Structures are given as C-alpha cells and as structure tokens.
Amino acid sequence: MASSPSAAAAVGMGSGGVRRNPTLICTPIMADSVDKMAILMAEAKSVGADLVEIRLDSLKDFNPNSDIKTLILHSPLPTLFTYRCLTCIPLFVSFSFFDFSFYFF
C-alpha cells in the first residue's frame, strides 16, 4: 500500500518515510462554549500549531453527542479531546488515571 505525497507531507515525512522533525506543537483549547473553541482552533492553526487539545471540561454546558461532532467538523487540525476530572491534583500533570482522552485524525 503506497502512501500519497499529500499524506506524507501532512505528517512531515521525508523521502523514505522518515520524519524530518519528530516534534509537534499541541495547543490546548479551553473555553466555556463550543463557538469560542472553534475560533481558538483557527487561531492556533494560524500561529503554527500542529494539533489541538480540546479541554472538554472547560465547557459550561457539555453535550457529548453534539459538542464533539461540532468540534470535529470545525477543527482545522488533528484533535486530541481531553476531559479532566476536578479531583485530578495537581492540574499541571498532563496524564493521570482519571483523564479521558482520545485522538481524532
């Protein structure tokens, strides 16, 4: 199965399938509404982010079925969805047993 040139370019692949730069910049997106998150995702792309982390726990009214679909449709970048519980202390730890995360291409 051969990969297309555009797919290889999208992940920074050089000739021979080796990544030119293994470092990706992930921008966390926190807002109290889905509309504000959509604006922040576009801004993140415009300043050079490679992917975004959507912090679902920052939404005031979170409706999983509609909000996740809307965010996927409006995301200009690969997206990591995270829902961090209030009991995760300290909050600066990026991963814990209480985090719920999944990655969408």
Foldseek 3Di string as FASTA:
>chain_A
DDDDPVVCVLQQADPPRHHPDPDFAEAEFADQDLVSSLVVLVVCVVVPHQEYEYAQQRHPDDDPPPSVVVNVVSHPHWYKYKYADPPDPPPVPPDDPRIDIDTGD
